[in-house]
Amino acid sequence: MVTGLVLLKLMPGKEKQTLARLKALSSVVHMSAVFGRWDLVIDMETDDLPMLSNIVVHEIRSIPGVLTTETLVTTSI
């Protein structure tokens, strides 16, 4: 199991539609709206790192309203 945090910058005015599409992804465990450089933080869980990368690059980044992402792979300490 691989977990990651995906930081997203969203397009103003498209937030509702974008959030609906993101919530539909089965790998999304939790979402938090934040203030500052990023607009949203998504907690994700996938089977492996290639799957996490594939979902971010091919699914999340293709959602209308997602401007930028940054992915942080997490580990328990």
PDB file of N, CA and C in Angstrom:
ATOM      1  N   MET A   1       0.848  -1.176   0.000  1.00  0.00           N
ATOM      2  CA  MET A   1       0.000   0.000   0.000  1.00  0.00           C
ATOM      3  C   MET A   1       0.890   1.233   0.000  1.00  0.00           C
ATOM      4  N   VAL A   2       0.590   2.153  -0.892  1.00  0.00           N
ATOM      5  CA  VAL A   2       1.303   3.423  -0.988  1.00  0.00           C
ATOM      6  C   VAL A   2       0.308   4.528  -0.674  1.00  0.00           C
ATOM      7  N   THR A   3       0.726   5.461   0.166  1.00  0.00           N
ATOM      8  CA  THR A   3      -0.116   6.607   0.465  1.00  0.00           C
ATOM      9  C   THR A   3       0.581   7.868  -0.010  1.00  0.00           C
ATOM     10  N   GLY A   4      -0.208   8.850  -0.356  1.00  0.00           N
ATOM     11  CA  GLY A   4       0.368  10.096  -0.826  1.00  0.00           C
ATOM     12  C   GLY A   4      -0.562  11.260  -0.567  1.00  0.00           C
ATOM     13  N   LEU A   5       0.033  12.427  -0.527  1.00  0.00           N
ATOM     14  CA  LEU A   5      -0.716  13.673  -0.441  1.00  0.00           C
ATOM     15  C   LEU A   5      -0.557  14.374  -1.777  1.00  0.00           C
ATOM     16  N   VAL A   6      -1.658  14.762  -2.369  1.00  0.00           N
ATOM     17  CA  VAL A   6      -1.611  15.488  -3.626  1.00  0.00           C
ATOM     18  C   VAL A   6      -2.105  16.902  -3.351  1.00  0.00           C
ATOM     19  N   LEU A   7      -1.248  17.880  -3.625  1.00  0.00           N
ATOM     20  CA  LEU A   7      -1.581  19.286  -3.446  1.00  0.00           C
ATOM     21  C   LEU A   7      -2.079  19.808  -4.783  1.00  0.00           C
ATOM     22  N   LEU A   8      -3.214  20.505  -4.766  1.00  0.00           N
ATOM     23  CA  LEU A   8      -3.808  20.970  -6.012  1.00  0.00           C
ATOM     24  C   LEU A   8      -4.081  22.463  -5.994  1.00  0.00           C
ATOM     25  N   LYS A   9      -3.827  23.099  -7.118  1.00  0.00           N
ATOM     26  CA  LYS A   9      -4.238  24.474  -7.379  1.00  0.00           C
ATOM     27  C   LYS A   9      -5.411  24.366  -8.340  1.00  0.00           C
ATOM     28  N   LEU A  10      -6.547  24.975  -7.971  1.00  0.00           N
ATOM     29  CA  LEU A  10      -7.762  24.870  -8.776  1.00  0.00           C
ATOM     30  C   LEU A  10      -8.064  26.164  -9.510  1.00  0.00           C
ATOM     31  N   MET A  11      -8.764  26.035 -10.622  1.00  0.00           N
ATOM     32  CA  MET A  11      -9.178  27.182 -11.415  1.00  0.00           C
ATOM     33  C   MET A  11     -10.374  27.852 -10.736  1.00  0.00           C
ATOM     34  N   PRO A  12     -10.294  29.150 -10.484  1.00  0.00           N
ATOM     35  CA  PRO A  12     -11.423  29.850  -9.875  1.00  0.00           C
ATOM     36  C   PRO A  12     -12.698  29.684 -10.705  1.00  0.00           C
ATOM     37  N   GLY A  13     -13.811  29.430  -9.999  1.00  0.00           N
ATOM     38  CA  GLY A  13     -15.099  29.264 -10.663  1.00  0.00           C
ATOM     39  C   GLY A  13     -15.416  27.843 -11.072  1.00  0.00           C
ATOM     40  N   LYS A  14     -14.440  26.940 -11.027  1.00  0.00           N
ATOM     41  CA  LYS A  14     -14.647  25.545 -11.430  1.00  0.00           C
ATOM     42  C   LYS A  14     -14.570  24.592 -10.236  1.00  0.00           C
ATOM     43  N   GLU A  15     -14.509  25.133  -9.019  1.00  0.00           N
ATOM     44  CA  GLU A  15     -14.255  24.301  -7.841  1.00  0.00           C
ATOM     45  C   GLU A  15     -15.291  23.199  -7.631  1.00  0.00           C
ATOM     46  N   LYS A  16     -16.580  23.525  -7.728  1.00  0.00           N
ATOM     47  CA  LYS A  16     -17.624  22.529  -7.460  1.00  0.00           C
ATOM     48  C   LYS A  16     -17.547  21.341  -8.413  1.00  0.00           C
ATOM     49  N   GLN A  17     -17.411  21.636  -9.706  1.00  0.00           N
ATOM     50  CA  GLN A  17     -17.327  20.559 -10.692  1.00  0.00           C
ATOM     51  C   GLN A  17     -16.060  19.727 -10.486  1.00  0.00           C
ATOM     52  N   THR A  18     -14.966  20.399 -10.176  1.00  0.00           N
ATOM     53  CA  THR A  18     -13.688  19.711  -9.972  1.00  0.00           C
ATOM     54  C   THR A  18     -13.762  18.811  -8.748  1.00  0.00           C
ATOM     55  N   LEU A  19     -14.311  19.318  -7.650  1.00  0.00           N
ATOM     56  CA  LEU A  19     -14.430  18.520  -6.422  1.00  0.00           C
ATOM     57  C   LEU A  19     -15.292  17.286  -6.646  1.00  0.00           C
ATOM     58  N   ALA A  20     -16.368  17.423  -7.389  1.00  0.00           N
ATOM     59  CA  ALA A  20     -17.240  16.274  -7.668  1.00  0.00           C
ATOM     60  C   ALA A  20     -16.481  15.184  -8.408  1.00  0.00           C
ATOM     61  N   ARG A  21     -15.682  15.566  -9.383  1.00  0.00           N
ATOM     62  CA  ARG A  21     -14.901  14.576 -10.146  1.00  0.00           C
ATOM     63  C   ARG A  21     -13.839  13.924  -9.274  1.00  0.00           C
ATOM     64  N   LEU A  22     -13.191  14.712  -8.411  1.00  0.00           N
ATOM     65  CA  LEU A  22     -12.153  14.175  -7.534  1.00  0.00           C
ATOM     66  C   LEU A  22     -12.736  13.206  -6.513  1.00  0.00           C
ATOM     67  N   LYS A  23     -13.908  13.530  -5.964  1.00  0.00           N
ATOM     68  CA  LYS A  23     -14.551  12.659  -4.973  1.00  0.00           C
ATOM     69  C   LYS A  23     -14.901  11.298  -5.563  1.00  0.00           C
ATOM     70  N   ALA A  24     -15.119  11.238  -6.853  1.00  0.00           N
ATOM     71  CA  ALA A  24     -15.498   9.987  -7.519  1.00  0.00           C
ATOM     72  C   ALA A  24     -14.332   9.012  -7.673  1.00  0.00           C
ATOM     73  N   LEU A  25     -13.097   9.477  -7.473  1.00  0.00           N
ATOM     74  CA  LEU A  25     -11.935   8.597  -7.613  1.00  0.00           C
ATOM     75  C   LEU A  25     -11.843   7.667  -6.406  1.00  0.00           C
ATOM     76  N   SER A  26     -11.773   6.371  -6.654  1.00  0.00           N
ATOM     77  CA  SER A  26     -11.774   5.389  -5.558  1.00  0.00           C
ATOM     78  C   SER A  26     -10.522   5.458  -4.684  1.00  0.00           C
ATOM     79  N   SER A  27      -9.426   5.970  -5.192  1.00  0.00           N
ATOM     80  CA  SER A  27      -8.186   6.031  -4.420  1.00  0.00           C
ATOM     81  C   SER A  27      -8.128   7.231  -3.477  1.00  0.00           C
ATOM     82  N   VAL A  28      -9.085   8.159  -3.607  1.00  0.00           N
ATOM     83  CA  VAL A  28      -9.120   9.341  -2.743  1.00  0.00           C
ATOM     84  C   VAL A  28      -9.745   8.953  -1.412  1.00  0.00           C
ATOM     85  N   VAL A  29      -8.972   9.107  -0.340  1.00  0.00           N
ATOM     86  CA  VAL A  29      -9.419   8.752   1.000  1.00  0.00           C
ATOM     87  C   VAL A  29     -10.021   9.954   1.714  1.00  0.00           C
ATOM     88  N   HIS A  30      -9.425  11.130   1.508  1.00  0.00           N
ATOM     89  CA  HIS A  30      -9.873  12.335   2.213  1.00  0.00           C
ATOM     90  C   HIS A  30      -9.435  13.560   1.424  1.00  0.00           C
ATOM     91  N   MET A  31     -10.246  14.629   1.496  1.00  0.00           N
ATOM     92  CA  MET A  31      -9.882  15.893   0.855  1.00  0.00           C
ATOM     93  C   MET A  31     -10.036  17.016   1.872  1.00  0.00           C
ATOM     94  N   SER A  32      -9.108  17.979   1.827  1.00  0.00           N
ATOM     95  CA  SER A  32      -9.153  19.136   2.713  1.00  0.00           C
ATOM     96  C   SER A  32      -8.917  20.402   1.908  1.00  0.00           C
ATOM     97  N   ALA A  33      -9.803  21.380   2.078  1.00  0.00           N
ATOM     98  CA  ALA A  33      -9.576  22.699   1.487  1.00  0.00           C
ATOM     99  C   ALA A  33      -8.565  23.422   2.374  1.00  0.00           C
ATOM    100  N   VAL A  34      -7.618  24.100   1.747  1.00  0.00           N
ATOM    101  CA  VAL A  34      -6.583  24.812   2.483  1.00  0.00           C
ATOM    102  C   VAL A  34      -6.418  26.214   1.908  1.00  0.00           C
ATOM    103  N   PHE A  35      -5.771  27.078   2.671  1.00  0.00           N
ATOM    104  CA  PHE A  35      -5.500  28.439   2.235  1.00  0.00           C
ATOM    105  C   PHE A  35      -4.013  28.579   1.968  1.00  0.00           C
ATOM    106  N   GLY A  36      -3.669  29.444   1.053  1.00  0.00           N
ATOM    107  CA  GLY A  36      -2.264  29.672   0.738  1.00  0.00           C
ATOM    108  C   GLY A  36      -1.987  29.338  -0.710  1.00  0.00           C
ATOM    109  N   ARG A  37      -0.800  28.826  -0.962  1.00  0.00           N
ATOM    110  CA  ARG A  37      -0.368  28.516  -2.317  1.00  0.00           C
ATOM    111  C   ARG A  37      -1.232  27.444  -2.979  1.00  0.00           C
ATOM    112  N   TRP A  38      -1.735  26.505  -2.194  1.00  0.00           N
ATOM    113  CA  TRP A  38      -2.556  25.404  -2.695  1.00  0.00           C
ATOM    114  C   TRP A  38      -3.996  25.610  -2.265  1.00  0.00           C
ATOM    115  N   ASP A  39      -4.925  25.029  -2.998  1.00  0.00           N
ATOM    116  CA  ASP A  39      -6.343  25.144  -2.695  1.00  0.00           C
ATOM    117  C   ASP A  39      -6.915  23.892  -2.042  1.00  0.00           C
ATOM    118  N   LEU A  40      -6.311  22.746  -2.326  1.00  0.00           N
ATOM    119  CA  LEU A  40      -6.861  21.465  -1.896  1.00  0.00           C
ATOM    120  C   LEU A  40      -5.736  20.480  -1.626  1.00  0.00           C
ATOM    121  N   VAL A  41      -5.916  19.653  -0.598  1.00  0.00           N
ATOM    122  CA  VAL A  41      -4.991  18.557  -0.322  1.00  0.00           C
ATOM    123  C   VAL A  41      -5.802  17.270  -0.346  1.00  0.00           C
ATOM    124  N   ILE A  42      -5.353  16.313  -1.137  1.00  0.00           N
ATOM    125  CA  ILE A  42      -6.022  15.020  -1.254  1.00  0.00           C
ATOM    126  C   ILE A  42      -5.132  13.959  -0.627  1.00  0.00           C
ATOM    127  N   ASP A  43      -5.720  13.141   0.261  1.00  0.00           N
ATOM    128  CA  ASP A  43      -5.046  11.951   0.781  1.00  0.00           C
ATOM    129  C   ASP A  43      -5.440  10.790  -0.124  1.00  0.00           C
ATOM    130  N   MET A  44      -4.429  10.070  -0.631  1.00  0.00           N
ATOM    131  CA  MET A  44      -4.695   8.955  -1.534  1.00  0.00           C
ATOM    132  C   MET A  44      -4.052   7.675  -1.041  1.00  0.00           C
ATOM    133  N   GLU A  45      -4.640   6.553  -1.399  1.00  0.00           N
ATOM    134  CA  GLU A  45      -4.068   5.228  -1.149  1.00  0.00           C
ATOM    135  C   GLU A  45      -4.169   4.414  -2.429  1.00  0.00           C
ATOM    136  N   THR A  46      -3.044   3.813  -2.814  1.00  0.00           N
ATOM    137  CA  THR A  46      -3.018   2.945  -3.999  1.00  0.00           C
ATOM    138  C   THR A  46      -2.199   1.703  -3.675  1.00  0.00           C
ATOM    139  N   ASP A  47      -2.230   0.735  -4.581  1.00  0.00           N
ATOM    140  CA  ASP A  47      -1.490  -0.515  -4.366  1.00  0.00           C
ATOM    141  C   ASP A  47       0.015  -0.320  -4.469  1.00  0.00           C
ATOM    142  N   ASP A  48       0.452   0.571  -5.364  1.00  0.00           N
ATOM    143  CA  ASP A  48       1.885   0.764  -5.558  1.00  0.00           C
ATOM    144  C   ASP A  48       2.172   2.153  -6.110  1.00  0.00           C
ATOM    145  N   LEU A  49       3.447   2.516  -6.176  1.00  0.00           N
ATOM    146  CA  LEU A  49       3.838   3.843  -6.641  1.00  0.00           C
ATOM    147  C   LEU A  49       3.484   4.093  -8.102  1.00  0.00           C
ATOM    148  N   PRO A  50       3.684   3.138  -9.010  1.00  0.00           N
ATOM    149  CA  PRO A  50       3.269   3.389 -10.395  1.00  0.00           C
ATOM    150  C   PRO A  50       1.769   3.690 -10.527  1.00  0.00           C
ATOM    151  N   MET A  51       0.948   3.036  -9.720  1.00  0.00           N
ATOM    152  CA  MET A  51      -0.492   3.296  -9.767  1.00  0.00           C
ATOM    153  C   MET A  51      -0.796   4.709  -9.262  1.00  0.00           C
ATOM    154  N   LEU A  52      -0.144   5.127  -8.189  1.00  0.00           N
ATOM    155  CA  LEU A  52      -0.328   6.486  -7.676  1.00  0.00           C
ATOM    156  C   LEU A  52       0.049   7.506  -8.741  1.00  0.00           C
ATOM    157  N   SER A  53       1.190   7.300  -9.354  1.00  0.00           N
ATOM    158  CA  SER A  53       1.659   8.201 -10.404  1.00  0.00           C
ATOM    159  C   SER A  53       0.687   8.243 -11.574  1.00  0.00           C
ATOM    160  N   ASN A  54       0.205   7.104 -11.992  1.00  0.00           N
ATOM    161  CA  ASN A  54      -0.727   7.024 -13.116  1.00  0.00           C
ATOM    162  C   ASN A  54      -2.018   7.783 -12.823  1.00  0.00           C
ATOM    163  N   ILE A  55      -2.558   7.622 -11.625  1.00  0.00           N
ATOM    164  CA  ILE A  55      -3.801   8.306 -11.269  1.00  0.00           C
ATOM    165  C   ILE A  55      -3.594   9.819 -11.266  1.00  0.00           C
ATOM    166  N   VAL A  56      -2.484  10.270 -10.697  1.00  0.00           N
ATOM    167  CA  VAL A  56      -2.233  11.717 -10.652  1.00  0.00           C
ATOM    168  C   VAL A  56      -2.043  12.272 -12.058  1.00  0.00           C
ATOM    169  N   VAL A  57      -1.190  11.639 -12.832  1.00  0.00           N
ATOM    170  CA  VAL A  57      -0.846  12.169 -14.156  1.00  0.00           C
ATOM    171  C   VAL A  57      -1.996  12.040 -15.155  1.00  0.00           C
ATOM    172  N   HIS A  58      -2.647  10.891 -15.196  1.00  0.00           N
ATOM    173  CA  HIS A  58      -3.633  10.643 -16.243  1.00  0.00           C
ATOM    174  C   HIS A  58      -5.076  10.915 -15.836  1.00  0.00           C
ATOM    175  N   GLU A  59      -5.377  10.879 -14.557  1.00  0.00           N
ATOM    176  CA  GLU A  59      -6.758  11.114 -14.139  1.00  0.00           C
ATOM    177  C   GLU A  59      -6.935  12.490 -13.500  1.00  0.00           C
ATOM    178  N   ILE A  60      -6.182  12.759 -12.433  1.00  0.00           N
ATOM    179  CA  ILE A  60      -6.375  14.019 -11.716  1.00  0.00           C
ATOM    180  C   ILE A  60      -6.002  15.214 -12.579  1.00  0.00           C
ATOM    181  N   ARG A  61      -4.863  15.173 -13.234  1.00  0.00           N
ATOM    182  CA  ARG A  61      -4.430  16.315 -14.046  1.00  0.00           C
ATOM    183  C   ARG A  61      -5.309  16.550 -15.268  1.00  0.00           C
ATOM    184  N   SER A  62      -6.091  15.553 -15.666  1.00  0.00           N
ATOM    185  CA  SER A  62      -6.960  15.715 -16.834  1.00  0.00           C
ATOM    186  C   SER A  62      -8.337  16.273 -16.468  1.00  0.00           C
ATOM    187  N   ILE A  63      -8.616  16.433 -15.180  1.00  0.00           N
ATOM    188  CA  ILE A  63      -9.905  16.963 -14.744  1.00  0.00           C
ATOM    189  C   ILE A  63      -9.944  18.463 -15.017  1.00  0.00           C
ATOM    190  N   PRO A  64     -10.966  18.937 -15.722  1.00  0.00           N
ATOM    191  CA  PRO A  64     -11.082  20.374 -15.954  1.00  0.00           C
ATOM    192  C   PRO A  64     -11.149  21.120 -14.619  1.00  0.00           C
ATOM    193  N   GLY A  65     -10.362  22.167 -14.505  1.00  0.00           N
ATOM    194  CA  GLY A  65     -10.327  22.943 -13.279  1.00  0.00           C
ATOM    195  C   GLY A  65      -9.094  22.694 -12.428  1.00  0.00           C
ATOM    196  N   VAL A  66      -8.354  21.620 -12.723  1.00  0.00           N
ATOM    197  CA  VAL A  66      -7.101  21.357 -12.012  1.00  0.00           C
ATOM    198  C   VAL A  66      -5.989  22.060 -12.779  1.00  0.00           C
ATOM    199  N   LEU A  67      -5.364  23.040 -12.140  1.00  0.00           N
ATOM    200  CA  LEU A  67      -4.303  23.804 -12.792  1.00  0.00           C
ATOM    201  C   LEU A  67      -2.925  23.192 -12.575  1.00  0.00           C
ATOM    202  N   THR A  68      -2.628  22.819 -11.320  1.00  0.00           N
ATOM    203  CA  THR A  68      -1.298  22.335 -10.957  1.00  0.00           C
ATOM    204  C   THR A  68      -1.422  21.309  -9.840  1.00  0.00           C
ATOM    205  N   THR A  69      -0.512  20.320  -9.836  1.00  0.00           N
ATOM    206  CA  THR A  69      -0.459  19.375  -8.742  1.00  0.00           C
ATOM    207  C   THR A  69       0.975  19.208  -8.266  1.00  0.00           C
ATOM    208  N   GLU A  70       1.099  18.801  -7.020  1.00  0.00           N
ATOM    209  CA  GLU A  70       2.387  18.377  -6.476  1.00  0.00           C
ATOM    210  C   GLU A  70       2.090  17.188  -5.580  1.00  0.00           C
ATOM    211  N   THR A  71       2.805  16.095  -5.770  1.00  0.00           N
ATOM    212  CA  THR A  71       2.530  14.864  -5.039  1.00  0.00           C
ATOM    213  C   THR A  71       3.632  14.580  -4.041  1.00  0.00           C
ATOM    214  N   LEU A  72       3.228  14.302  -2.812  1.00  0.00           N
ATOM    215  CA  LEU A  72       4.144  13.936  -1.743  1.00  0.00           C
ATOM    216  C   LEU A  72       3.847  12.495  -1.353  1.00  0.00           C
ATOM    217  N   VAL A  73       4.791  11.589  -1.594  1.00  0.00           N
ATOM    218  CA  VAL A  73       4.616  10.196  -1.208  1.00  0.00           C
ATOM    219  C   VAL A  73       4.918  10.114   0.288  1.00  0.00           C
ATOM    220  N   THR A  74       4.021   9.484   1.032  1.00  0.00           N
ATOM    221  CA  THR A  74       4.168   9.454   2.474  1.00  0.00           C
ATOM    222  C   THR A  74       4.545   8.063   2.976  1.00  0.00           C
ATOM    223  N   THR A  75       5.115   8.048   4.170  1.00  0.00           N
ATOM    224  CA  THR A  75       5.472   6.813   4.820  1.00  0.00           C
ATOM    225  C   THR A  75       5.214   6.961   6.311  1.00  0.00           C
ATOM    226  N   SER A  76       4.853   5.878   6.965  1.00  0.00           N
ATOM    227  CA  SER A  76       4.629   5.930   8.410  1.00  0.00           C
ATOM    228  C   SER A  76       5.949   5.921   9.144  1.00  0.00           C
ATOM    229  N   ILE A  77       6.023   6.709  10.219  1.00  0.00           N
ATOM    230  CA  ILE A  77       7.263   6.728  11.027  1.00  0.00           C
ATOM    231  C   ILE A  77       6.940   6.417  12.475  1.00  0.00           C
TER     232      ILE A  77
END
